[in-house]
Amino acid sequence: MRIRGKVTLTVAAMAGSMFAYSTAAAPSFAASNTAAGATVSAAPQQALDVIRGKTRCFSYSYGDDGTTSVTVYFHNRCKHSRGIKIRVAQAKDACIWVRGGDFDKKKFKGPHPTVQSIKEVSHCG
């Protein structure tokens, strides 16, 4: 019981001092008590939302953070060349011709760009 109290007190003291001195402190911390042989740690991770999809010949993915840019990754899974048309809000749209079996990426910049649609096309132009 006494060791558990020391570990809890150590973790509480460390968390209290971390938030008392910094208003923008990181939410992760670690404390260890070597005499007791106990370690307590917590590190929550913020995950980025990734959207994945498929058309007949293409598979694609992009991150959905939308702060200043968005990058669309795509792969032509067919043996013949095809075009992929990407419509993005707050950025210029793109139509990209991709050879069969090839992959690439396209970065769109702008204020809060969001992907509206991704379509497979037979020709760009």
N, C-alpha and C. Protein backbone atom coordinates (compact mmCIF):
# COMPACT_ATOMS: atom_id res chain seq x y z
N MET A 1 0.82 -1.19 0.00
CA MET A 1 0.00 0.00 0.00
C MET A 1 0.86 1.25 0.00
N ARG A 2 1.96 1.22 0.70
CA ARG A 2 2.80 2.40 0.81
C ARG A 2 3.48 2.72 -0.52
N ILE A 3 3.90 1.70 -1.28
CA ILE A 3 4.56 1.92 -2.57
C ILE A 3 3.56 2.49 -3.56
N ARG A 4 2.33 1.97 -3.60
CA ARG A 4 1.33 2.48 -4.50
C ARG A 4 1.03 3.95 -4.21
N GLY A 5 1.01 4.34 -2.96
CA GLY A 5 0.79 5.73 -2.59
C GLY A 5 1.91 6.63 -3.07
N LYS A 6 3.16 6.15 -2.99
CA LYS A 6 4.30 6.95 -3.46
C LYS A 6 4.25 7.14 -4.97
N VAL A 7 3.92 6.08 -5.72
CA VAL A 7 3.84 6.17 -7.17
C VAL A 7 2.72 7.12 -7.58
N THR A 8 1.56 7.01 -6.95
CA THR A 8 0.45 7.89 -7.26
C THR A 8 0.80 9.34 -6.94
N LEU A 9 1.45 9.56 -5.82
CA LEU A 9 1.85 10.91 -5.43
C LEU A 9 2.88 11.48 -6.40
N THR A 10 3.82 10.66 -6.86
CA THR A 10 4.83 11.11 -7.81
C THR A 10 4.19 11.50 -9.14
N VAL A 11 3.27 10.69 -9.64
CA VAL A 11 2.59 10.99 -10.89
C VAL A 11 1.75 12.25 -10.75
N ALA A 12 1.03 12.39 -9.66
CA ALA A 12 0.19 13.57 -9.45
C ALA A 12 1.04 14.83 -9.32
N ALA A 13 2.17 14.75 -8.64
CA ALA A 13 3.04 15.91 -8.49
C ALA A 13 3.64 16.31 -9.83
N MET A 14 4.05 15.33 -10.62
CA MET A 14 4.63 15.63 -11.93
C MET A 14 3.59 16.25 -12.84
N ALA A 15 2.38 15.71 -12.87
CA ALA A 15 1.32 16.26 -13.71
C ALA A 15 0.94 17.66 -13.25
N GLY A 16 0.87 17.87 -11.97
CA GLY A 16 0.53 19.19 -11.44
C GLY A 16 1.58 20.23 -11.79
N SER A 17 2.85 19.87 -11.66
CA SER A 17 3.91 20.84 -11.98
C SER A 17 3.98 21.09 -13.48
N MET A 18 3.67 20.09 -14.28
CA MET A 18 3.72 20.25 -15.72
C MET A 18 2.65 21.25 -16.18
N PHE A 19 1.44 21.15 -15.64
CA PHE A 19 0.37 22.05 -16.05
C PHE A 19 0.46 23.40 -15.36
N ALA A 20 1.13 23.49 -14.22
CA ALA A 20 1.24 24.76 -13.51
C ALA A 20 2.21 25.70 -14.21
N TYR A 21 3.28 25.19 -14.80
CA TYR A 21 4.29 26.03 -15.42
C TYR A 21 4.05 26.29 -16.90
N SER A 22 3.25 25.49 -17.57
CA SER A 22 3.06 25.64 -19.00
C SER A 22 1.58 25.51 -19.34
N THR A 23 1.04 26.52 -20.01
CA THR A 23 -0.36 26.44 -20.40
C THR A 23 -0.52 25.59 -21.65
N ALA A 24 0.52 25.49 -22.45
CA ALA A 24 0.46 24.70 -23.68
C ALA A 24 1.34 23.46 -23.54
N ALA A 25 1.26 22.80 -22.42
CA ALA A 25 2.09 21.63 -22.18
C ALA A 25 1.60 20.46 -23.00
N ALA A 26 2.53 19.61 -23.37
CA ALA A 26 2.19 18.40 -24.12
C ALA A 26 1.41 17.46 -23.23
N PRO A 27 0.43 16.72 -23.78
CA PRO A 27 -0.38 15.85 -22.95
C PRO A 27 0.28 14.54 -22.59
N SER A 28 1.55 14.34 -22.92
CA SER A 28 2.21 13.09 -22.57
C SER A 28 3.19 13.32 -21.43
N PHE A 29 3.30 12.34 -20.58
CA PHE A 29 4.26 12.42 -19.49
C PHE A 29 4.64 11.01 -19.08
N ALA A 30 5.76 10.92 -18.38
CA ALA A 30 6.21 9.62 -17.89
C ALA A 30 6.87 9.84 -16.53
N ALA A 31 6.60 8.96 -15.61
CA ALA A 31 7.20 9.04 -14.29
C ALA A 31 7.63 7.64 -13.89
N SER A 32 8.75 7.55 -13.20
CA SER A 32 9.19 6.24 -12.76
C SER A 32 9.70 6.34 -11.33
N ASN A 33 9.49 5.29 -10.62
CA ASN A 33 9.96 5.19 -9.25
C ASN A 33 10.91 3.99 -9.23
N THR A 34 12.22 4.26 -9.29
CA THR A 34 13.18 3.18 -9.41
C THR A 34 13.27 2.36 -8.12
N ALA A 35 13.04 2.98 -6.98
CA ALA A 35 13.11 2.24 -5.72
C ALA A 35 11.97 1.22 -5.65
N ALA A 36 10.81 1.59 -6.15
CA ALA A 36 9.67 0.68 -6.10
C ALA A 36 9.61 -0.23 -7.32
N GLY A 37 10.34 0.15 -8.40
CA GLY A 37 10.34 -0.67 -9.61
C GLY A 37 9.08 -0.50 -10.44
N ALA A 38 8.36 0.61 -10.27
CA ALA A 38 7.13 0.83 -11.00
C ALA A 38 7.31 1.97 -12.00
N THR A 39 6.67 1.85 -13.12
CA THR A 39 6.71 2.89 -14.14
C THR A 39 5.29 3.19 -14.58
N VAL A 40 4.95 4.46 -14.66
CA VAL A 40 3.63 4.89 -15.10
C VAL A 40 3.84 5.84 -16.26
N SER A 41 3.16 5.61 -17.37
CA SER A 41 3.29 6.51 -18.51
C SER A 41 1.96 6.60 -19.23
N ALA A 42 1.74 7.77 -19.84
CA ALA A 42 0.56 7.99 -20.66
C ALA A 42 0.96 8.91 -21.80
N ALA A 43 0.65 8.50 -23.02
CA ALA A 43 1.00 9.32 -24.17
C ALA A 43 -0.09 9.20 -25.23
N PRO A 44 -1.17 9.97 -25.10
CA PRO A 44 -2.22 9.88 -26.12
C PRO A 44 -1.73 10.46 -27.44
N GLN A 45 -2.00 9.78 -28.51
CA GLN A 45 -1.59 10.20 -29.85
C GLN A 45 -2.81 10.71 -30.59
N GLN A 46 -2.65 11.80 -31.32
CA GLN A 46 -3.73 12.30 -32.15
C GLN A 46 -3.52 11.77 -33.56
N ALA A 47 -4.46 10.99 -34.03
CA ALA A 47 -4.33 10.35 -35.33
C ALA A 47 -4.89 11.24 -36.43
N LEU A 48 -4.25 11.18 -37.58
CA LEU A 48 -4.71 11.90 -38.75
C LEU A 48 -5.73 11.04 -39.48
N ASP A 49 -6.85 11.65 -39.85
CA ASP A 49 -7.87 10.91 -40.58
C ASP A 49 -7.40 10.69 -42.01
N VAL A 50 -7.33 9.44 -42.43
CA VAL A 50 -6.91 9.10 -43.79
C VAL A 50 -8.11 8.50 -44.51
N ILE A 51 -8.42 9.06 -45.66
CA ILE A 51 -9.52 8.56 -46.47
C ILE A 51 -8.92 7.74 -47.59
N ARG A 52 -9.42 6.52 -47.77
CA ARG A 52 -8.95 5.61 -48.81
C ARG A 52 -10.12 5.24 -49.70
N GLY A 53 -9.84 5.03 -50.98
CA GLY A 53 -10.90 4.65 -51.89
C GLY A 53 -10.35 3.95 -53.12
N LYS A 54 -11.29 3.40 -53.93
CA LYS A 54 -10.92 2.70 -55.16
C LYS A 54 -11.90 3.04 -56.25
N THR A 55 -11.40 3.12 -57.47
CA THR A 55 -12.23 3.14 -58.66
C THR A 55 -11.91 1.85 -59.41
N ARG A 56 -12.31 1.75 -60.67
CA ARG A 56 -12.04 0.52 -61.40
C ARG A 56 -10.55 0.24 -61.54
N CYS A 57 -9.77 1.28 -61.88
CA CYS A 57 -8.33 1.09 -62.08
C CYS A 57 -7.46 1.75 -61.02
N PHE A 58 -7.99 2.66 -60.26
CA PHE A 58 -7.16 3.41 -59.32
C PHE A 58 -7.51 3.08 -57.87
N SER A 59 -6.47 3.11 -57.04
CA SER A 59 -6.66 3.17 -55.60
C SER A 59 -6.01 4.47 -55.15
N TYR A 60 -6.62 5.15 -54.18
CA TYR A 60 -6.13 6.46 -53.77
C TYR A 60 -6.31 6.64 -52.27
N SER A 61 -5.58 7.60 -51.74
CA SER A 61 -5.72 7.97 -50.33
C SER A 61 -5.26 9.40 -50.15
N TYR A 62 -5.80 10.04 -49.12
CA TYR A 62 -5.39 11.41 -48.78
C TYR A 62 -5.73 11.67 -47.32
N GLY A 63 -4.97 12.59 -46.73
CA GLY A 63 -5.20 12.97 -45.35
C GLY A 63 -6.25 14.06 -45.28
N ASP A 64 -6.99 14.07 -44.18
CA ASP A 64 -8.11 15.00 -44.06
C ASP A 64 -7.88 16.03 -42.96
N ASP A 65 -6.64 16.57 -42.87
CA ASP A 65 -6.42 17.62 -41.87
C ASP A 65 -6.79 18.98 -42.44
N GLY A 66 -6.52 19.23 -43.72
CA GLY A 66 -6.99 20.40 -44.42
C GLY A 66 -6.59 21.75 -43.85
N THR A 67 -5.37 21.92 -43.39
CA THR A 67 -4.97 23.21 -42.86
C THR A 67 -4.46 24.12 -43.97
N THR A 68 -3.37 23.76 -44.64
CA THR A 68 -2.84 24.58 -45.72
C THR A 68 -2.65 23.79 -47.01
N SER A 69 -2.63 22.49 -46.94
CA SER A 69 -2.48 21.68 -48.15
C SER A 69 -3.04 20.29 -47.92
N VAL A 70 -3.30 19.61 -49.03
CA VAL A 70 -3.73 18.21 -48.99
C VAL A 70 -3.00 17.49 -50.12
N THR A 71 -2.47 16.30 -49.82
CA THR A 71 -1.75 15.51 -50.81
C THR A 71 -2.55 14.24 -51.10
N VAL A 72 -2.81 14.00 -52.38
CA VAL A 72 -3.54 12.81 -52.81
C VAL A 72 -2.53 11.84 -53.40
N TYR A 73 -2.50 10.63 -52.88
CA TYR A 73 -1.63 9.55 -53.38
C TYR A 73 -2.51 8.60 -54.19
N PHE A 74 -2.04 8.20 -55.38
CA PHE A 74 -2.84 7.32 -56.22
C PHE A 74 -1.96 6.30 -56.92
N HIS A 75 -2.59 5.16 -57.28
CA HIS A 75 -1.90 4.05 -57.93
C HIS A 75 -2.82 3.46 -59.00
N ASN A 76 -2.31 3.41 -60.24
CA ASN A 76 -3.05 2.80 -61.33
C ASN A 76 -2.82 1.29 -61.27
N ARG A 77 -3.86 0.53 -60.97
CA ARG A 77 -3.73 -0.91 -60.81
C ARG A 77 -3.95 -1.67 -62.11
N CYS A 78 -4.39 -0.97 -63.16
CA CYS A 78 -4.62 -1.61 -64.47
C CYS A 78 -3.33 -1.62 -65.30
N LYS A 79 -3.35 -2.38 -66.40
CA LYS A 79 -2.18 -2.47 -67.27
C LYS A 79 -2.13 -1.35 -68.29
N HIS A 80 -3.24 -0.68 -68.53
CA HIS A 80 -3.29 0.39 -69.53
C HIS A 80 -3.33 1.77 -68.85
N SER A 81 -2.96 2.79 -69.61
CA SER A 81 -2.93 4.15 -69.08
C SER A 81 -4.34 4.68 -68.88
N ARG A 82 -4.52 5.43 -67.83
CA ARG A 82 -5.81 6.05 -67.51
C ARG A 82 -5.57 7.42 -66.89
N GLY A 83 -6.61 8.23 -66.88
CA GLY A 83 -6.54 9.53 -66.25
C GLY A 83 -7.31 9.54 -64.95
N ILE A 84 -6.86 10.37 -64.02
CA ILE A 84 -7.56 10.54 -62.76
C ILE A 84 -7.83 12.03 -62.58
N LYS A 85 -9.09 12.37 -62.34
CA LYS A 85 -9.49 13.77 -62.18
C LYS A 85 -9.80 14.01 -60.70
N ILE A 86 -9.10 14.98 -60.12
CA ILE A 86 -9.23 15.28 -58.69
C ILE A 86 -9.79 16.69 -58.55
N ARG A 87 -10.95 16.81 -57.93
CA ARG A 87 -11.57 18.12 -57.67
C ARG A 87 -11.36 18.47 -56.21
N VAL A 88 -10.81 19.67 -55.98
CA VAL A 88 -10.48 20.12 -54.63
C VAL A 88 -11.09 21.50 -54.41
N ALA A 89 -11.78 21.69 -53.29
CA ALA A 89 -12.31 23.00 -52.93
C ALA A 89 -11.16 23.88 -52.47
N GLN A 90 -11.17 25.14 -52.80
CA GLN A 90 -10.17 26.14 -52.43
C GLN A 90 -8.81 25.90 -53.08
N ALA A 91 -8.77 25.13 -54.17
CA ALA A 91 -7.52 24.90 -54.91
C ALA A 91 -7.88 24.54 -56.35
N LYS A 92 -6.89 24.63 -57.23
CA LYS A 92 -7.12 24.32 -58.64
C LYS A 92 -7.25 22.81 -58.84
N ASP A 93 -8.24 22.40 -59.64
CA ASP A 93 -8.46 20.98 -59.92
C ASP A 93 -7.33 20.44 -60.79
N ALA A 94 -7.20 19.11 -60.81
CA ALA A 94 -6.14 18.49 -61.60
C ALA A 94 -6.66 17.25 -62.31
N CYS A 95 -6.17 17.05 -63.54
CA CYS A 95 -6.41 15.83 -64.28
C CYS A 95 -5.03 15.29 -64.65
N ILE A 96 -4.71 14.10 -64.18
CA ILE A 96 -3.37 13.55 -64.31
C ILE A 96 -3.44 12.24 -65.08
N TRP A 97 -2.60 12.10 -66.11
CA TRP A 97 -2.52 10.88 -66.91
C TRP A 97 -1.47 9.97 -66.28
N VAL A 98 -1.86 8.73 -65.97
CA VAL A 98 -0.99 7.80 -65.26
C VAL A 98 -0.86 6.52 -66.09
N ARG A 99 0.38 6.10 -66.33
CA ARG A 99 0.63 4.85 -67.05
C ARG A 99 0.18 3.64 -66.22
N GLY A 100 -0.07 2.54 -66.88
CA GLY A 100 -0.51 1.33 -66.21
C GLY A 100 0.52 0.83 -65.20
N GLY A 101 0.07 0.51 -64.00
CA GLY A 101 0.94 0.00 -62.95
C GLY A 101 1.75 1.07 -62.24
N ASP A 102 1.62 2.33 -62.64
CA ASP A 102 2.41 3.41 -62.05
C ASP A 102 1.65 4.06 -60.88
N PHE A 103 2.38 4.80 -60.07
CA PHE A 103 1.77 5.51 -58.95
C PHE A 103 2.43 6.88 -58.84
N ASP A 104 1.74 7.80 -58.19
CA ASP A 104 2.24 9.16 -58.05
C ASP A 104 1.49 9.85 -56.93
N LYS A 105 1.77 11.14 -56.74
CA LYS A 105 1.06 11.94 -55.75
C LYS A 105 0.90 13.34 -56.30
N LYS A 106 -0.09 14.06 -55.81
CA LYS A 106 -0.35 15.43 -56.22
C LYS A 106 -0.70 16.24 -54.98
N LYS A 107 0.01 17.36 -54.78
CA LYS A 107 -0.21 18.21 -53.62
C LYS A 107 -1.01 19.44 -54.03
N PHE A 108 -2.07 19.73 -53.30
CA PHE A 108 -2.92 20.88 -53.54
C PHE A 108 -2.74 21.85 -52.38
N LYS A 109 -2.45 23.12 -52.72
CA LYS A 109 -2.23 24.14 -51.69
C LYS A 109 -3.35 25.17 -51.76
N GLY A 110 -3.72 25.70 -50.60
CA GLY A 110 -4.74 26.71 -50.51
C GLY A 110 -5.26 26.81 -49.09
N PRO A 111 -6.14 27.77 -48.83
CA PRO A 111 -6.70 27.88 -47.48
C PRO A 111 -7.76 26.80 -47.23
N HIS A 112 -7.47 25.86 -46.38
CA HIS A 112 -8.35 24.74 -46.02
C HIS A 112 -8.84 23.96 -47.23
N PRO A 113 -7.93 23.37 -48.03
CA PRO A 113 -8.38 22.60 -49.20
C PRO A 113 -9.00 21.28 -48.76
N THR A 114 -10.10 20.92 -49.39
CA THR A 114 -10.75 19.65 -49.12
C THR A 114 -11.06 18.96 -50.45
N VAL A 115 -10.85 17.67 -50.51
CA VAL A 115 -11.09 16.91 -51.73
C VAL A 115 -12.60 16.72 -51.88
N GLN A 116 -13.13 17.14 -53.03
CA GLN A 116 -14.56 17.00 -53.29
C GLN A 116 -14.87 15.70 -54.01
N SER A 117 -14.06 15.37 -55.04
CA SER A 117 -14.30 14.12 -55.76
C SER A 117 -13.03 13.66 -56.45
N ILE A 118 -12.95 12.34 -56.64
CA ILE A 118 -11.86 11.72 -57.39
C ILE A 118 -12.54 10.75 -58.37
N LYS A 119 -12.30 10.99 -59.66
CA LYS A 119 -12.94 10.17 -60.69
C LYS A 119 -11.91 9.67 -61.69
N GLU A 120 -12.18 8.51 -62.23
CA GLU A 120 -11.36 7.94 -63.29
C GLU A 120 -11.91 8.42 -64.63
N VAL A 121 -11.02 8.91 -65.51
CA VAL A 121 -11.47 9.41 -66.81
C VAL A 121 -10.67 8.74 -67.93
N SER A 122 -11.26 8.73 -69.14
CA SER A 122 -10.58 8.09 -70.27
C SER A 122 -9.61 9.05 -70.96
N HIS A 123 -9.78 10.35 -70.76
CA HIS A 123 -8.86 11.34 -71.33
C HIS A 123 -8.87 12.60 -70.48
N CYS A 124 -7.74 13.29 -70.45
CA CYS A 124 -7.63 14.56 -69.74
C CYS A 124 -7.58 15.68 -70.78
N GLY A 125 -8.34 16.71 -70.56
CA GLY A 125 -8.26 17.82 -71.50
C GLY A 125 -9.49 18.52 -71.71
